[in-house]
Amino acid sequence: MECATIYYDKKHYFPMHLHPDRYTFSFVINGGANLICNDNVFKLKSNDLVVVPPFVAHQTMIDHFFHYKVIRVPKFNPFINVSNNQLGLTIIQNCFSYKAHFNNWFESIRNNLNTSNEDVCNNVPEVFQRFLIDNVGGNSKSRAILKKALQLFENNYNRPILVEELSDITCMSDSHFQRLFKSNIGISPMRYLLNLRIEKAKEYIKNKDSFTEVAYETGFYDQSHFNKYFKINVGMIPKRYADFIKI
């Protein structure tokens, strides 16, 4: 469980991405942004609550500035359900009824950062628990193939993964697998791998001070390469992100 208050003070277009093992609850404090999901565009503004489940591909476009609080809830067994062809996310506009609940939850997390993962579900306020629901889609054969590929990525994100490896474990041609992956996950396999490395880096940054070490442990060639892709995907350099999430 983690939380942070994030402030973007200039235009930034995030690439299409997803969170493979997190439910993300974001409460907009000020500013605005366009959220894109499944070719739908939603205008976010102050007092909107956005809930994005795992494996829902989305993109955010900030025109001027965007200020929000975010709570990330770990999902157990992230590869049980991997396909979601519906919109997936939830946007509640002008959700004043949730504001006090969200702020109380946010402060409780900040005050109890050492809470174990086993206690995570018990610490989610009842008003938000209904959002922690898996969406199952796709046929069983496709899910089985995708789980194998996702597990390969999860276990080997810190090294290059060859096309031949994916072909071996999925028993599919590269082009066929690319189509299956993108139609179910929402982004290409290589975009997913980069996305996963950035998500892992965000976890490492919470506990490490050396960004060079984080870069190598998450499969980047060097810190410069890491900084470039981190900024593209997160909208800020690793140092600034660390300042937001470290108390």
Protein backbone atom coordinates (compact mmCIF):
# COMPACT_ATOMS: atom_id res chain seq x y z
CA MET A 1 0.00 0.00 0.00
CA GLU A 2 1.35 3.43 -0.87
CA CYS A 3 0.18 6.99 -1.33
CA ALA A 4 1.57 10.26 -2.65
CA THR A 5 0.58 13.80 -3.55
CA ILE A 6 1.69 14.51 -7.12
CA TYR A 7 1.98 17.86 -8.88
CA TYR A 8 2.64 18.36 -12.59
CA ASP A 9 3.30 21.99 -13.47
CA LYS A 10 3.58 21.77 -17.25
CA LYS A 11 2.23 19.99 -20.31
CA HIS A 12 2.98 16.29 -20.54
CA TYR A 13 1.57 13.47 -22.67
CA PHE A 14 1.96 10.07 -21.06
CA PRO A 15 2.26 7.03 -23.33
CA MET A 16 -0.41 4.35 -23.15
CA HIS A 17 0.36 2.30 -20.05
CA LEU A 18 -1.13 0.12 -17.34
CA HIS A 19 -0.48 -1.04 -13.79
CA PRO A 20 -0.17 -4.84 -13.70
CA ASP A 21 -0.47 -5.32 -9.94
CA ARG A 22 -2.10 -2.17 -8.54
CA TYR A 23 -5.52 -0.65 -8.15
CA THR A 24 -5.00 3.10 -8.48
CA PHE A 25 -7.31 5.54 -6.71
CA SER A 26 -6.69 9.18 -7.73
CA PHE A 27 -8.48 12.21 -6.31
CA VAL A 28 -8.02 15.41 -8.34
CA ILE A 29 -7.18 18.43 -6.18
CA ASN A 30 -6.66 21.04 -8.88
CA GLY A 31 -5.93 21.52 -12.55
CA GLY A 32 -7.15 19.23 -15.30
CA ALA A 33 -6.21 16.48 -17.71
CA ASN A 34 -7.65 14.30 -20.44
CA LEU A 35 -7.79 10.60 -19.66
CA ILE A 36 -7.96 8.25 -22.64
CA CYS A 37 -9.15 4.66 -22.35
CA ASN A 38 -10.44 2.39 -25.14
CA ASP A 39 -10.65 5.38 -27.52
CA ASN A 40 -12.84 7.28 -25.03
CA VAL A 41 -11.65 10.69 -23.80
CA PHE A 42 -12.62 11.94 -20.34
CA LYS A 43 -11.92 15.42 -18.99
CA LEU A 44 -10.69 15.26 -15.39
CA LYS A 45 -11.10 18.22 -13.07
CA SER A 46 -11.09 19.14 -9.38
CA ASN A 47 -12.94 16.77 -7.02
CA ASP A 48 -13.08 13.90 -9.53
CA LEU A 49 -12.25 10.41 -8.29
CA VAL A 50 -10.63 8.01 -10.77
CA VAL A 51 -10.24 4.29 -10.06
CA VAL A 52 -8.07 2.28 -12.46
CA PRO A 53 -7.91 -1.50 -11.90
CA PRO A 54 -4.88 -3.59 -12.89
CA PHE A 55 -4.39 -4.27 -16.60
CA VAL A 56 -6.54 -1.39 -17.82
CA ALA A 57 -4.52 0.44 -20.49
CA HIS A 58 -4.92 4.20 -20.34
CA GLN A 59 -3.19 7.47 -21.24
CA THR A 60 -3.19 10.88 -19.55
CA MET A 61 -2.66 14.19 -21.32
CA ILE A 62 -1.90 17.24 -19.15
CA ASP A 63 -2.26 20.62 -20.86
CA HIS A 64 -1.14 23.02 -18.11
CA PHE A 65 -0.99 21.65 -14.57
CA PHE A 66 -2.43 18.73 -12.65
CA HIS A 67 -2.45 18.25 -8.87
CA TYR A 68 -3.81 15.06 -7.31
CA LYS A 69 -3.53 12.55 -4.50
CA VAL A 70 -3.07 8.89 -5.38
CA ILE A 71 -3.46 5.68 -3.38
CA ARG A 72 -2.14 2.45 -4.85
CA VAL A 73 -3.53 -0.83 -3.53
CA PRO A 74 -1.58 -4.02 -4.32
CA LYS A 75 -3.48 -6.77 -6.09
CA PHE A 76 -2.69 -10.31 -5.07
CA ASN A 77 -2.11 -12.94 -7.78
CA PRO A 78 -1.75 -10.37 -10.58
CA PHE A 79 -1.90 -12.93 -13.40
CA ILE A 80 -5.20 -14.62 -12.55
CA ASN A 81 -7.22 -12.35 -14.83
CA VAL A 82 -5.39 -10.53 -17.59
CA SER A 83 -7.99 -9.66 -20.18
CA ASN A 84 -10.44 -6.78 -19.97
CA ASN A 85 -12.22 -5.67 -23.10
CA GLN A 86 -14.59 -3.32 -21.28
CA LEU A 87 -13.83 0.24 -20.27
CA GLY A 88 -12.59 -1.03 -16.91
CA LEU A 89 -11.94 2.22 -15.07
CA THR A 90 -14.38 4.28 -13.00
CA ILE A 91 -14.66 8.07 -12.97
CA ILE A 92 -16.90 9.75 -10.40
CA GLN A 93 -17.26 13.47 -11.04
CA ASN A 94 -17.65 16.02 -8.24
CA CYS A 95 -17.46 13.20 -5.72
CA PHE A 96 -17.66 15.30 -2.56
CA SER A 97 -19.21 12.36 -0.75
CA TYR A 98 -15.93 10.44 -1.18
CA LYS A 99 -13.56 13.30 -0.35
CA ALA A 100 -13.49 12.92 3.44
CA HIS A 101 -13.26 9.12 3.17
CA PHE A 102 -10.38 9.42 0.70
CA ASN A 103 -8.44 11.94 2.80
CA ASN A 104 -8.87 9.85 5.97
CA TRP A 105 -7.67 6.76 4.12
CA PHE A 106 -4.73 8.68 2.66
CA GLU A 107 -3.62 9.91 6.10
CA SER A 108 -4.01 6.48 7.67
CA ILE A 109 -1.66 5.01 5.04
CA ARG A 110 0.91 7.76 5.63
CA ASN A 111 0.76 7.03 9.35
CA ASN A 112 1.05 3.25 8.95
CA LEU A 113 3.59 2.73 6.17
CA ASN A 114 4.82 -0.56 7.65
CA THR A 115 1.48 -2.30 7.25
CA SER A 116 2.02 -5.79 5.82
CA ASN A 117 0.52 -6.82 2.51
CA GLU A 118 -1.60 -9.38 4.35
CA ASP A 119 -3.43 -6.54 6.07
CA VAL A 120 -3.97 -4.47 2.92
CA CYS A 121 -7.51 -5.62 2.15
CA ASN A 122 -8.56 -5.20 5.77
CA ASN A 123 -7.33 -1.60 5.68
CA VAL A 124 -9.31 -0.56 2.60
CA PRO A 125 -12.33 1.45 3.79
CA GLU A 126 -15.62 -0.30 3.09
CA VAL A 127 -16.76 2.53 0.82
CA PHE A 128 -13.88 1.74 -1.59
CA GLN A 129 -13.87 -2.06 -1.38
CA ARG A 130 -16.47 -2.43 -4.12
CA PHE A 131 -13.90 -1.14 -6.63
CA LEU A 132 -11.49 -4.01 -5.91
CA ILE A 133 -13.16 -6.40 -8.34
CA ASP A 134 -11.48 -8.36 -11.11
CA ASN A 135 -12.86 -8.19 -14.64
CA VAL A 136 -12.55 -11.42 -16.56
CA GLY A 137 -12.51 -11.45 -20.34
CA GLY A 138 -11.26 -13.42 -23.28
CA ASN A 139 -11.37 -17.19 -23.70
CA SER A 140 -9.51 -19.61 -21.46
CA LYS A 141 -6.94 -20.53 -24.15
CA SER A 142 -6.01 -16.89 -24.72
CA ARG A 143 -5.75 -16.25 -20.97
CA ALA A 144 -3.45 -19.25 -20.55
CA ILE A 145 -1.15 -18.01 -23.32
CA LEU A 146 -1.10 -14.49 -21.94
CA LYS A 147 -0.35 -15.69 -18.42
CA LYS A 148 2.71 -17.55 -19.67
CA ALA A 149 3.99 -14.45 -21.45
CA LEU A 150 3.26 -12.15 -18.52
CA GLN A 151 5.01 -14.51 -16.13
CA LEU A 152 8.05 -14.54 -18.41
CA PHE A 153 8.09 -10.73 -18.32
CA GLU A 154 7.63 -10.69 -14.54
CA ASN A 155 10.51 -13.08 -13.93
CA ASN A 156 12.90 -11.54 -16.48
CA TYR A 157 12.13 -7.81 -16.67
CA ASN A 158 15.76 -6.98 -15.83
CA ARG A 159 17.15 -8.43 -19.08
CA PRO A 160 16.37 -8.35 -22.82
CA ILE A 161 13.67 -10.85 -23.83
CA LEU A 162 14.01 -12.38 -27.28
CA VAL A 163 11.16 -12.88 -29.71
CA GLU A 164 12.18 -16.54 -29.91
CA GLU A 165 11.54 -16.97 -26.19
CA LEU A 166 8.00 -15.68 -26.51
CA SER A 167 7.39 -17.90 -29.53
CA ASP A 168 8.65 -20.95 -27.62
CA ILE A 169 6.39 -20.50 -24.58
CA THR A 170 3.29 -19.39 -26.50
CA CYS A 171 3.68 -21.70 -29.54
CA MET A 172 2.65 -18.78 -31.75
CA SER A 173 4.31 -16.73 -34.45
CA ASP A 174 5.52 -13.29 -33.47
CA SER A 175 2.86 -11.48 -35.49
CA HIS A 176 0.02 -13.64 -34.14
CA PHE A 177 1.19 -13.20 -30.55
CA GLN A 178 1.60 -9.43 -31.01
CA ARG A 179 -2.02 -9.17 -32.17
CA LEU A 180 -3.33 -11.37 -29.33
CA PHE A 181 -1.36 -9.46 -26.70
CA LYS A 182 -2.33 -5.98 -27.83
CA SER A 183 -6.01 -6.82 -28.34
CA ASN A 184 -6.28 -8.21 -24.79
CA ILE A 185 -3.77 -6.15 -22.80
CA GLY A 186 -4.11 -2.87 -24.69
CA ILE A 187 -0.43 -2.25 -25.41
CA SER A 188 2.29 -4.12 -27.33
CA PRO A 189 4.49 -6.74 -25.59
CA MET A 190 7.59 -4.53 -25.72
CA ARG A 191 5.65 -1.51 -24.46
CA TYR A 192 4.40 -3.74 -21.64
CA LEU A 193 7.96 -4.81 -20.76
CA LEU A 194 9.11 -1.17 -20.62
CA ASN A 195 6.01 -0.31 -18.59
CA LEU A 196 6.81 -3.16 -16.17
CA ARG A 197 10.40 -1.98 -15.75
CA ILE A 198 9.19 1.51 -14.87
CA GLU A 199 6.68 0.10 -12.37
CA LYS A 200 9.44 -1.98 -10.76
CA ALA A 201 11.72 1.08 -10.69
CA LYS A 202 9.04 3.06 -8.84
CA GLU A 203 9.01 0.31 -6.21
CA TYR A 204 12.82 0.25 -5.92
CA ILE A 205 13.00 4.04 -5.59
CA LYS A 206 10.99 3.88 -2.37
CA ASN A 207 13.85 2.02 -0.67
CA LYS A 208 16.99 2.89 -2.62
CA ASP A 209 18.96 6.12 -2.93
CA SER A 210 21.13 5.14 -5.90
CA PHE A 211 19.32 5.71 -9.20
CA THR A 212 22.19 4.03 -11.05
CA GLU A 213 21.55 0.89 -9.04
CA VAL A 214 17.81 1.11 -9.74
CA ALA A 215 18.54 1.48 -13.46
CA TYR A 216 20.64 -1.66 -13.67
CA GLU A 217 18.31 -3.73 -11.48
CA THR A 218 15.37 -2.94 -13.75
CA GLY A 219 17.05 -3.76 -17.05
CA PHE A 220 18.17 -0.34 -18.35
CA TYR A 221 21.56 0.08 -20.00
CA ASP A 222 22.61 3.01 -17.81
CA GLN A 223 21.19 5.82 -15.71
CA SER A 224 20.82 8.17 -18.69
CA HIS A 225 18.73 5.59 -20.54
CA PHE A 226 16.70 5.03 -17.36
CA ASN A 227 16.13 8.75 -16.73
CA LYS A 228 14.91 9.28 -20.29
CA TYR A 229 12.24 6.56 -20.22
CA PHE A 230 11.26 7.24 -16.62
CA LYS A 231 10.49 10.86 -17.48
CA ILE A 232 8.53 9.88 -20.59
CA ASN A 233 6.41 7.38 -18.64
CA VAL A 234 6.06 9.13 -15.28
CA GLY A 235 6.31 12.77 -16.36
CA MET A 236 9.25 13.62 -14.10
CA ILE A 237 12.82 12.52 -13.44
CA PRO A 238 13.40 9.79 -10.81
CA LYS A 239 14.76 12.30 -8.26
CA ARG A 240 11.59 14.37 -8.32
CA TYR A 241 9.43 11.26 -8.09
CA ALA A 242 11.43 10.13 -5.06
CA ASP A 243 10.81 13.50 -3.40
CA PHE A 244 7.04 12.96 -3.79
CA ILE A 245 6.83 9.43 -2.42
CA LYS A 246 9.47 9.52 0.32
CA ILE A 247 8.29 11.07 3.55
